[in-house]
Amino acid sequence: MSSRTPRVSYLLPCILAALSVLPLSTAVAEEVQVGRYSSVRPVPTQEQINLLSALVTVRFPETVATVGQAVHHLLGPSGYRLAPDSVAEPDRAALLALPLPEPHRSLGPMPLRTALETLAGPAFRLVEDPIHRLVSFERCESSLPDRPSATIDETRSHRWRD
C-alpha cells in the first residue's frame, strides 16, 4: 500500500493541472484580451458582415447639392457603389438629379441602408446586389401612375407632363 501512495499523490496534481488547462484553451477560442480589463470575441461585427448595416453620421458639405451626390458621398467608404445607369430604371436618374432637401443635409446616427432609403424617399425602394456590392433605387409600385390598362413596362416608360 505504501507503493501506491506516492503514485496517487503524484497523479492527482497532474490530473488537476491537465483539467485546469482545458477551460483556458476554450476561453482563448471564445475571447481575446485587448486590454488590461477588457476582452472581445474574435468574430466579425454585424456591420462587418452586412456593410449596409454600418452606422453612419454625416453632415453633407455645401458642395453636395443633389440626392445623387449625397448617395455617392455616403457610399464612398462603404465598399458599395451605385449601379451603372445602363442597368438602372430610367426613374432613378430623375431621383438622383433632385436637389438635396435641407432636412437631409444632416443624417444619423443610423444604418447606411436607412440613410440611403431616407435620401430616396417613400416613392423609391433600395435595391442591393451584394455579390457585386452595388445599390440602386426602383420606384415603388404604389407610386406609379394609376392606369389600370397599362403594364408595368408601359408605366415605367410613361413620362410625367406638367
N, C-alpha and C. Protein backbone atom coordinates (compact mmCIF):
# COMPACT_ATOMS: atom_id res chain seq x y z
N MET A 1 0.81 -1.19 0.00
CA MET A 1 0.00 0.00 0.00
C MET A 1 0.86 1.25 0.00
N SER A 2 1.98 1.18 0.59
CA SER A 2 2.87 2.33 0.60
C SER A 2 3.45 2.60 -0.79
N SER A 3 3.50 1.55 -1.64
CA SER A 3 3.99 1.77 -3.00
C SER A 3 2.96 2.52 -3.84
N ARG A 4 1.68 2.42 -3.48
CA ARG A 4 0.63 3.12 -4.23
C ARG A 4 0.49 4.58 -3.79
N THR A 5 0.75 4.90 -2.60
CA THR A 5 0.56 6.25 -2.09
C THR A 5 1.37 7.29 -2.87
N PRO A 6 2.64 7.06 -3.14
CA PRO A 6 3.38 8.07 -3.91
C PRO A 6 2.79 8.25 -5.31
N ARG A 7 2.31 7.17 -5.91
CA ARG A 7 1.75 7.29 -7.25
C ARG A 7 0.47 8.11 -7.25
N VAL A 8 -0.44 7.87 -6.33
CA VAL A 8 -1.69 8.62 -6.25
C VAL A 8 -1.39 10.08 -5.96
N SER A 9 -0.51 10.34 -5.05
CA SER A 9 -0.19 11.72 -4.72
C SER A 9 0.51 12.42 -5.88
N TYR A 10 1.17 11.69 -6.74
CA TYR A 10 1.84 12.26 -7.91
C TYR A 10 0.83 12.45 -9.06
N LEU A 11 -0.08 11.49 -9.25
CA LEU A 11 -1.05 11.56 -10.34
C LEU A 11 -2.11 12.63 -10.11
N LEU A 12 -2.52 12.81 -8.89
CA LEU A 12 -3.57 13.78 -8.59
C LEU A 12 -3.19 15.20 -9.03
N PRO A 13 -2.04 15.72 -8.70
CA PRO A 13 -1.68 17.06 -9.18
C PRO A 13 -1.58 17.12 -10.71
N CYS A 14 -1.13 16.04 -11.34
CA CYS A 14 -1.04 16.03 -12.80
C CYS A 14 -2.43 16.10 -13.44
N ILE A 15 -3.37 15.36 -12.88
CA ILE A 15 -4.74 15.38 -13.40
C ILE A 15 -5.36 16.75 -13.19
N LEU A 16 -5.19 17.32 -12.01
CA LEU A 16 -5.72 18.65 -11.73
C LEU A 16 -5.09 19.71 -12.65
N ALA A 17 -3.82 19.59 -12.92
CA ALA A 17 -3.15 20.53 -13.82
C ALA A 17 -3.70 20.41 -15.23
N ALA A 18 -3.92 19.18 -15.67
CA ALA A 18 -4.47 18.96 -17.01
C ALA A 18 -5.90 19.51 -17.11
N LEU A 19 -6.70 19.31 -16.09
CA LEU A 19 -8.06 19.82 -16.10
C LEU A 19 -8.10 21.33 -16.04
N SER A 20 -7.18 21.93 -15.36
CA SER A 20 -7.17 23.39 -15.26
C SER A 20 -6.78 24.05 -16.58
N VAL A 21 -6.08 23.36 -17.43
CA VAL A 21 -5.67 23.91 -18.73
C VAL A 21 -6.84 23.88 -19.72
N LEU A 22 -7.74 22.91 -19.63
CA LEU A 22 -8.84 22.79 -20.58
C LEU A 22 -9.74 24.02 -20.62
N PRO A 23 -10.23 24.54 -19.52
CA PRO A 23 -11.07 25.73 -19.61
C PRO A 23 -10.34 26.93 -20.21
N LEU A 24 -9.04 27.06 -19.96
CA LEU A 24 -8.28 28.17 -20.52
C LEU A 24 -8.21 28.08 -22.03
N SER A 25 -8.06 26.89 -22.57
CA SER A 25 -7.96 26.77 -24.03
C SER A 25 -9.29 27.10 -24.70
N THR A 26 -10.40 26.78 -24.07
CA THR A 26 -11.69 27.15 -24.66
C THR A 26 -11.97 28.63 -24.48
N ALA A 27 -11.50 29.23 -23.39
CA ALA A 27 -11.69 30.66 -23.18
C ALA A 27 -10.92 31.46 -24.22
N VAL A 28 -9.75 30.98 -24.61
CA VAL A 28 -8.95 31.68 -25.61
C VAL A 28 -9.68 31.68 -26.95
N ALA A 29 -10.37 30.57 -27.27
CA ALA A 29 -11.09 30.49 -28.53
C ALA A 29 -12.32 31.40 -28.54
N GLU A 30 -12.91 31.69 -27.38
CA GLU A 30 -14.12 32.49 -27.31
C GLU A 30 -13.85 33.97 -27.08
N GLU A 31 -12.75 34.32 -26.44
CA GLU A 31 -12.45 35.72 -26.15
C GLU A 31 -10.96 35.99 -26.30
N VAL A 32 -10.65 37.22 -26.69
CA VAL A 32 -9.27 37.66 -26.83
C VAL A 32 -9.11 38.90 -25.97
N GLN A 33 -8.09 38.91 -25.15
CA GLN A 33 -7.87 40.06 -24.28
C GLN A 33 -7.29 41.20 -25.12
N VAL A 34 -7.93 42.38 -25.06
CA VAL A 34 -7.49 43.53 -25.84
C VAL A 34 -6.98 44.66 -24.95
N GLY A 35 -7.13 44.51 -23.67
CA GLY A 35 -6.66 45.49 -22.70
C GLY A 35 -6.50 44.82 -21.36
N ARG A 36 -6.07 45.59 -20.40
CA ARG A 36 -5.85 45.00 -19.08
C ARG A 36 -7.13 44.44 -18.49
N TYR A 37 -8.25 45.12 -18.70
CA TYR A 37 -9.51 44.70 -18.10
C TYR A 37 -10.60 44.39 -19.12
N SER A 38 -10.26 44.29 -20.38
CA SER A 38 -11.31 44.04 -21.38
C SER A 38 -10.88 42.97 -22.38
N SER A 39 -11.88 42.27 -22.87
CA SER A 39 -11.66 41.25 -23.89
C SER A 39 -12.83 41.28 -24.85
N VAL A 40 -12.61 40.77 -26.05
CA VAL A 40 -13.64 40.72 -27.07
C VAL A 40 -13.67 39.34 -27.70
N ARG A 41 -14.81 39.04 -28.31
CA ARG A 41 -14.91 37.78 -29.05
C ARG A 41 -14.28 37.97 -30.41
N PRO A 42 -13.46 37.05 -30.88
CA PRO A 42 -12.80 37.20 -32.18
C PRO A 42 -13.71 36.81 -33.34
N VAL A 43 -14.79 37.55 -33.51
CA VAL A 43 -15.74 37.32 -34.60
C VAL A 43 -16.04 38.68 -35.24
N PRO A 44 -16.42 38.70 -36.51
CA PRO A 44 -16.74 39.98 -37.14
C PRO A 44 -18.02 40.57 -36.55
N THR A 45 -18.09 41.89 -36.54
CA THR A 45 -19.29 42.56 -36.06
C THR A 45 -20.38 42.46 -37.13
N GLN A 46 -21.61 42.78 -36.76
CA GLN A 46 -22.72 42.76 -37.71
C GLN A 46 -22.45 43.74 -38.85
N GLU A 47 -21.84 44.89 -38.53
CA GLU A 47 -21.53 45.89 -39.54
C GLU A 47 -20.48 45.39 -40.53
N GLN A 48 -19.56 44.53 -40.06
CA GLN A 48 -18.55 43.98 -40.95
C GLN A 48 -19.12 42.88 -41.83
N ILE A 49 -20.14 42.19 -41.35
CA ILE A 49 -20.78 41.13 -42.13
C ILE A 49 -21.73 41.75 -43.15
N ASN A 50 -22.56 42.68 -42.72
CA ASN A 50 -23.55 43.34 -43.57
C ASN A 50 -23.17 44.82 -43.65
N LEU A 51 -22.47 45.20 -44.71
CA LEU A 51 -21.91 46.54 -44.83
C LEU A 51 -22.97 47.64 -44.79
N LEU A 52 -24.17 47.36 -45.28
CA LEU A 52 -25.21 48.38 -45.28
C LEU A 52 -25.82 48.60 -43.90
N SER A 53 -25.45 47.77 -42.92
CA SER A 53 -25.96 47.97 -41.56
C SER A 53 -25.00 48.82 -40.72
N ALA A 54 -23.87 49.23 -41.29
CA ALA A 54 -22.92 50.07 -40.56
C ALA A 54 -23.56 51.41 -40.21
N LEU A 55 -23.33 51.86 -39.00
CA LEU A 55 -23.89 53.14 -38.56
C LEU A 55 -23.12 54.29 -39.20
N VAL A 56 -23.87 55.26 -39.70
CA VAL A 56 -23.26 56.45 -40.29
C VAL A 56 -23.87 57.69 -39.65
N THR A 57 -23.05 58.69 -39.53
CA THR A 57 -23.47 60.03 -39.13
C THR A 57 -22.78 60.96 -40.09
N VAL A 58 -23.57 61.77 -40.80
CA VAL A 58 -22.98 62.60 -41.84
C VAL A 58 -23.61 63.98 -41.85
N ARG A 59 -22.80 64.94 -42.12
CA ARG A 59 -23.23 66.32 -42.41
C ARG A 59 -22.65 66.61 -43.78
N PHE A 60 -23.52 66.65 -44.81
CA PHE A 60 -23.04 66.82 -46.17
C PHE A 60 -22.47 68.23 -46.35
N PRO A 61 -21.32 68.33 -47.01
CA PRO A 61 -20.76 69.67 -47.27
C PRO A 61 -21.64 70.43 -48.26
N GLU A 62 -21.45 71.73 -48.33
CA GLU A 62 -22.25 72.58 -49.22
C GLU A 62 -22.06 72.20 -50.69
N THR A 63 -20.95 71.56 -51.03
CA THR A 63 -20.71 71.16 -52.42
C THR A 63 -21.64 70.03 -52.86
N VAL A 64 -22.22 69.32 -51.89
CA VAL A 64 -23.18 68.25 -52.20
C VAL A 64 -24.54 68.93 -52.36
N ALA A 65 -25.00 68.99 -53.63
CA ALA A 65 -26.22 69.75 -53.91
C ALA A 65 -27.39 68.87 -54.35
N THR A 66 -27.13 67.63 -54.79
CA THR A 66 -28.20 66.77 -55.29
C THR A 66 -28.27 65.48 -54.49
N VAL A 67 -29.38 64.79 -54.64
CA VAL A 67 -29.54 63.48 -53.98
C VAL A 67 -28.46 62.52 -54.48
N GLY A 68 -28.16 62.55 -55.78
CA GLY A 68 -27.13 61.67 -56.34
C GLY A 68 -25.76 61.92 -55.73
N GLN A 69 -25.40 63.18 -55.56
CA GLN A 69 -24.11 63.49 -54.93
C GLN A 69 -24.09 63.01 -53.49
N ALA A 70 -25.21 63.13 -52.79
CA ALA A 70 -25.28 62.66 -51.41
C ALA A 70 -25.14 61.13 -51.35
N VAL A 71 -25.78 60.43 -52.28
CA VAL A 71 -25.67 58.97 -52.33
C VAL A 71 -24.21 58.57 -52.56
N HIS A 72 -23.54 59.21 -53.52
CA HIS A 72 -22.13 58.90 -53.79
C HIS A 72 -21.26 59.20 -52.56
N HIS A 73 -21.56 60.30 -51.87
CA HIS A 73 -20.81 60.68 -50.67
C HIS A 73 -20.96 59.61 -49.58
N LEU A 74 -22.18 59.11 -49.40
CA LEU A 74 -22.42 58.07 -48.39
C LEU A 74 -21.76 56.74 -48.76
N LEU A 75 -21.83 56.38 -50.04
CA LEU A 75 -21.32 55.08 -50.47
C LEU A 75 -19.80 55.02 -50.51
N GLY A 76 -19.14 56.13 -50.62
CA GLY A 76 -17.68 56.18 -50.76
C GLY A 76 -16.92 55.22 -49.85
N PRO A 77 -17.02 55.37 -48.53
CA PRO A 77 -16.25 54.49 -47.64
C PRO A 77 -16.88 53.13 -47.38
N SER A 78 -18.05 52.86 -47.92
CA SER A 78 -18.78 51.64 -47.57
C SER A 78 -18.34 50.40 -48.32
N GLY A 79 -17.68 50.57 -49.47
CA GLY A 79 -17.36 49.42 -50.30
C GLY A 79 -18.42 49.15 -51.35
N TYR A 80 -19.55 49.83 -51.26
CA TYR A 80 -20.63 49.70 -52.24
C TYR A 80 -20.53 50.83 -53.25
N ARG A 81 -21.10 50.59 -54.43
CA ARG A 81 -21.16 51.60 -55.49
C ARG A 81 -22.59 51.68 -56.01
N LEU A 82 -22.90 52.78 -56.66
CA LEU A 82 -24.19 52.93 -57.31
C LEU A 82 -24.13 52.15 -58.62
N ALA A 83 -25.16 51.37 -58.90
CA ALA A 83 -25.21 50.58 -60.14
C ALA A 83 -25.14 51.52 -61.34
N PRO A 84 -24.54 51.06 -62.45
CA PRO A 84 -24.45 51.92 -63.64
C PRO A 84 -25.83 52.28 -64.18
N ASP A 85 -25.90 53.42 -64.86
CA ASP A 85 -27.17 53.88 -65.46
C ASP A 85 -27.73 52.86 -66.44
N SER A 86 -26.86 52.10 -67.10
CA SER A 86 -27.32 51.16 -68.13
C SER A 86 -28.19 50.04 -67.57
N VAL A 87 -28.08 49.74 -66.28
CA VAL A 87 -28.88 48.67 -65.68
C VAL A 87 -29.95 49.21 -64.74
N ALA A 88 -30.02 50.52 -64.59
CA ALA A 88 -30.99 51.12 -63.66
C ALA A 88 -32.25 51.55 -64.40
N GLU A 89 -33.32 51.66 -63.63
CA GLU A 89 -34.57 52.17 -64.17
C GLU A 89 -34.40 53.63 -64.56
N PRO A 90 -35.09 54.08 -65.59
CA PRO A 90 -34.98 55.49 -66.01
C PRO A 90 -35.39 56.47 -64.91
N ASP A 91 -36.32 56.09 -64.05
CA ASP A 91 -36.78 56.98 -62.98
C ASP A 91 -35.67 57.30 -61.98
N ARG A 92 -34.69 56.44 -61.88
CA ARG A 92 -33.61 56.67 -60.92
C ARG A 92 -32.84 57.94 -61.25
N ALA A 93 -32.63 58.20 -62.53
CA ALA A 93 -31.89 59.40 -62.93
C ALA A 93 -32.60 60.66 -62.44
N ALA A 94 -33.93 60.66 -62.52
CA ALA A 94 -34.69 61.82 -62.04
C ALA A 94 -34.53 61.98 -60.53
N LEU A 95 -34.55 60.88 -59.80
CA LEU A 95 -34.36 60.93 -58.35
C LEU A 95 -32.99 61.51 -58.01
N LEU A 96 -31.95 60.99 -58.65
CA LEU A 96 -30.59 61.41 -58.32
C LEU A 96 -30.32 62.87 -58.70
N ALA A 97 -31.08 63.40 -59.65
CA ALA A 97 -30.91 64.80 -60.07
C ALA A 97 -31.64 65.79 -59.17
N LEU A 98 -32.51 65.30 -58.30
CA LEU A 98 -33.27 66.19 -57.41
C LEU A 98 -32.33 66.94 -56.46
N PRO A 99 -32.69 68.18 -56.10
CA PRO A 99 -31.88 68.89 -55.11
C PRO A 99 -31.96 68.20 -53.75
N LEU A 100 -30.87 68.22 -53.02
CA LEU A 100 -30.83 67.62 -51.69
C LEU A 100 -31.68 68.46 -50.74
N PRO A 101 -32.73 67.88 -50.15
CA PRO A 101 -33.56 68.65 -49.21
C PRO A 101 -32.75 69.07 -47.98
N GLU A 102 -33.02 70.24 -47.48
CA GLU A 102 -32.29 70.76 -46.32
C GLU A 102 -32.37 69.82 -45.11
N PRO A 103 -33.54 69.20 -44.81
CA PRO A 103 -33.57 68.28 -43.67
C PRO A 103 -32.67 67.04 -43.86
N HIS A 104 -32.30 66.73 -45.10
CA HIS A 104 -31.42 65.58 -45.36
C HIS A 104 -29.94 65.97 -45.34
N ARG A 105 -29.63 67.23 -45.14
CA ARG A 105 -28.24 67.67 -45.15
C ARG A 105 -27.46 67.07 -43.98
N SER A 106 -28.15 66.70 -42.92
CA SER A 106 -27.52 66.08 -41.75
C SER A 106 -28.30 64.82 -41.40
N LEU A 107 -27.63 63.67 -41.44
CA LEU A 107 -28.27 62.38 -41.17
C LEU A 107 -27.49 61.60 -40.13
N GLY A 108 -28.22 60.86 -39.30
CA GLY A 108 -27.58 59.91 -38.40
C GLY A 108 -27.59 60.36 -36.96
N PRO A 109 -27.12 59.46 -36.13
CA PRO A 109 -26.60 58.13 -36.46
C PRO A 109 -27.74 57.18 -36.86
N MET A 110 -27.49 56.45 -37.95
CA MET A 110 -28.44 55.47 -38.45
C MET A 110 -27.69 54.50 -39.36
N PRO A 111 -28.26 53.31 -39.60
CA PRO A 111 -27.61 52.39 -40.54
C PRO A 111 -27.51 53.00 -41.94
N LEU A 112 -26.48 52.65 -42.66
CA LEU A 112 -26.28 53.16 -44.02
C LEU A 112 -27.50 52.89 -44.89
N ARG A 113 -28.08 51.70 -44.76
CA ARG A 113 -29.28 51.35 -45.53
C ARG A 113 -30.40 52.37 -45.28
N THR A 114 -30.63 52.71 -44.03
CA THR A 114 -31.68 53.66 -43.67
C THR A 114 -31.36 55.05 -44.21
N ALA A 115 -30.10 55.45 -44.16
CA ALA A 115 -29.71 56.76 -44.69
C ALA A 115 -29.99 56.83 -46.19
N LEU A 116 -29.67 55.77 -46.93
CA LEU A 116 -29.93 55.74 -48.37
C LEU A 116 -31.43 55.77 -48.65
N GLU A 117 -32.20 55.00 -47.87
CA GLU A 117 -33.66 54.99 -48.04
C GLU A 117 -34.26 56.36 -47.71
N THR A 118 -33.70 57.04 -46.74
CA THR A 118 -34.17 58.37 -46.37
C THR A 118 -33.94 59.35 -47.52
N LEU A 119 -32.76 59.28 -48.14
CA LEU A 119 -32.46 60.16 -49.27
C LEU A 119 -33.41 59.90 -50.44
N ALA A 120 -33.76 58.64 -50.66
CA ALA A 120 -34.61 58.28 -51.80
C ALA A 120 -36.06 58.66 -51.56
N GLY A 121 -36.51 58.64 -50.33
CA GLY A 121 -37.89 58.96 -50.03
C GLY A 121 -38.81 57.77 -50.21
N PRO A 122 -40.09 57.95 -49.89
CA PRO A 122 -41.02 56.82 -49.89
C PRO A 122 -41.42 56.32 -51.28
N ALA A 123 -41.16 57.08 -52.32
CA ALA A 123 -41.55 56.65 -53.67
C ALA A 123 -40.58 55.63 -54.27
N PHE A 124 -39.40 55.47 -53.65
CA PHE A 124 -38.39 54.55 -54.16
C PHE A 124 -37.99 53.55 -53.09
N ARG A 125 -37.55 52.39 -53.54
CA ARG A 125 -37.01 51.40 -52.60
C ARG A 125 -35.58 51.10 -52.99
N LEU A 126 -34.77 50.81 -51.99
CA LEU A 126 -33.36 50.49 -52.20
C LEU A 126 -33.24 49.06 -52.69
N VAL A 127 -32.43 48.84 -53.72
CA VAL A 127 -32.18 47.52 -54.27
C VAL A 127 -30.68 47.26 -54.11
N GLU A 128 -30.35 46.08 -53.59
CA GLU A 128 -28.95 45.74 -53.31
C GLU A 128 -28.52 44.54 -54.12
N ASP A 129 -27.30 44.60 -54.67
CA ASP A 129 -26.64 43.46 -55.30
C ASP A 129 -25.41 43.16 -54.45
N PRO A 130 -25.54 42.26 -53.45
CA PRO A 130 -24.43 42.03 -52.53
C PRO A 130 -23.23 41.33 -53.18
N ILE A 131 -23.46 40.63 -54.28
CA ILE A 131 -22.35 39.94 -54.95
C ILE A 131 -21.38 40.96 -55.55
N HIS A 132 -21.93 41.96 -56.24
CA HIS A 132 -21.09 42.98 -56.87
C HIS A 132 -20.97 44.25 -56.04
N ARG A 133 -21.59 44.25 -54.88
CA ARG A 133 -21.63 45.40 -53.97
C ARG A 133 -22.12 46.65 -54.69
N LEU A 134 -23.29 46.50 -55.28
CA LEU A 134 -23.95 47.60 -55.97
C LEU A 134 -25.30 47.89 -55.31
N VAL A 135 -25.70 49.14 -55.35
CA VAL A 135 -27.05 49.52 -54.91
C VAL A 135 -27.69 50.35 -56.00
N SER A 136 -29.01 50.37 -56.00
CA SER A 136 -29.77 51.19 -56.91
C SER A 136 -31.11 51.48 -56.26
N PHE A 137 -31.94 52.22 -56.96
CA PHE A 137 -33.27 52.57 -56.47
C PHE A 137 -34.29 52.24 -57.54
N GLU A 138 -35.40 51.67 -57.11
CA GLU A 138 -36.52 51.38 -58.00
C GLU A 138 -37.75 52.07 -57.47
N ARG A 139 -38.59 52.50 -58.37
CA ARG A 139 -39.85 53.10 -57.94
C ARG A 139 -40.74 52.06 -57.33
N CYS A 140 -41.39 52.40 -56.25
CA CYS A 140 -42.37 51.50 -55.63
C CYS A 140 -43.58 51.44 -56.54
N GLU A 141 -44.19 50.26 -56.64
CA GLU A 141 -45.36 50.11 -57.49
C GLU A 141 -46.50 51.00 -57.04
N SER A 142 -46.61 51.25 -55.75
CA SER A 142 -47.70 52.09 -55.25
C SER A 142 -47.54 53.55 -55.69
N SER A 143 -46.33 53.95 -56.10
CA SER A 143 -46.12 55.33 -56.52
C SER A 143 -46.20 55.50 -58.03
N LEU A 144 -46.47 54.41 -58.76
CA LEU A 144 -46.61 54.50 -60.20
C LEU A 144 -47.96 55.11 -60.55
N PRO A 145 -48.08 55.75 -61.72
CA PRO A 145 -49.36 56.35 -62.11
C PRO A 145 -50.46 55.31 -62.15
N ASP A 146 -51.67 55.72 -61.82
CA ASP A 146 -52.82 54.82 -61.78
C ASP A 146 -53.42 54.68 -63.18
N ARG A 147 -53.01 53.64 -63.89
CA ARG A 147 -53.53 53.36 -65.23
C ARG A 147 -53.84 51.88 -65.28
N PRO A 148 -55.08 51.48 -65.06
CA PRO A 148 -55.41 50.05 -64.95
C PRO A 148 -55.06 49.24 -66.19
N SER A 149 -55.09 49.82 -67.38
CA SER A 149 -54.83 49.04 -68.58
C SER A 149 -53.34 48.95 -68.90
N ALA A 150 -52.49 49.70 -68.21
CA ALA A 150 -51.07 49.71 -68.52
C ALA A 150 -50.33 48.60 -67.80
N THR A 151 -49.35 48.05 -68.47
CA THR A 151 -48.47 47.08 -67.82
C THR A 151 -47.39 47.85 -67.07
N ILE A 152 -46.64 47.15 -66.25
CA ILE A 152 -45.56 47.80 -65.50
C ILE A 152 -44.56 48.41 -66.47
N ASP A 153 -44.19 47.69 -67.55
CA ASP A 153 -43.23 48.22 -68.51
C ASP A 153 -43.74 49.48 -69.19
N GLU A 154 -45.02 49.49 -69.55
CA GLU A 154 -45.59 50.68 -70.16
C GLU A 154 -45.61 51.84 -69.17
N THR A 155 -45.89 51.54 -67.92
CA THR A 155 -45.96 52.58 -66.90
C THR A 155 -44.58 53.16 -66.64
N ARG A 156 -43.55 52.32 -66.66
CA ARG A 156 -42.19 52.82 -66.44
C ARG A 156 -41.76 53.75 -67.55
N SER A 157 -42.25 53.53 -68.75
CA SER A 157 -41.86 54.41 -69.85
C SER A 157 -42.72 55.67 -69.91
N HIS A 158 -43.78 55.74 -69.08
CA HIS A 158 -44.66 56.91 -69.06
C HIS A 158 -43.89 58.11 -68.53
N ARG A 159 -43.99 59.23 -69.18
CA ARG A 159 -43.34 60.47 -68.75
C ARG A 159 -44.40 61.39 -68.14
N TRP A 160 -44.06 61.96 -67.00
CA TRP A 160 -44.99 62.88 -66.35
C TRP A 160 -44.98 64.20 -67.10
N ARG A 161 -46.15 64.73 -67.32
CA ARG A 161 -46.27 66.02 -68.01
C ARG A 161 -46.82 67.04 -67.01
N ASP A 162 -46.36 68.26 -67.17
CA ASP A 162 -46.87 69.36 -66.32
C ASP A 162 -48.14 69.92 -66.86
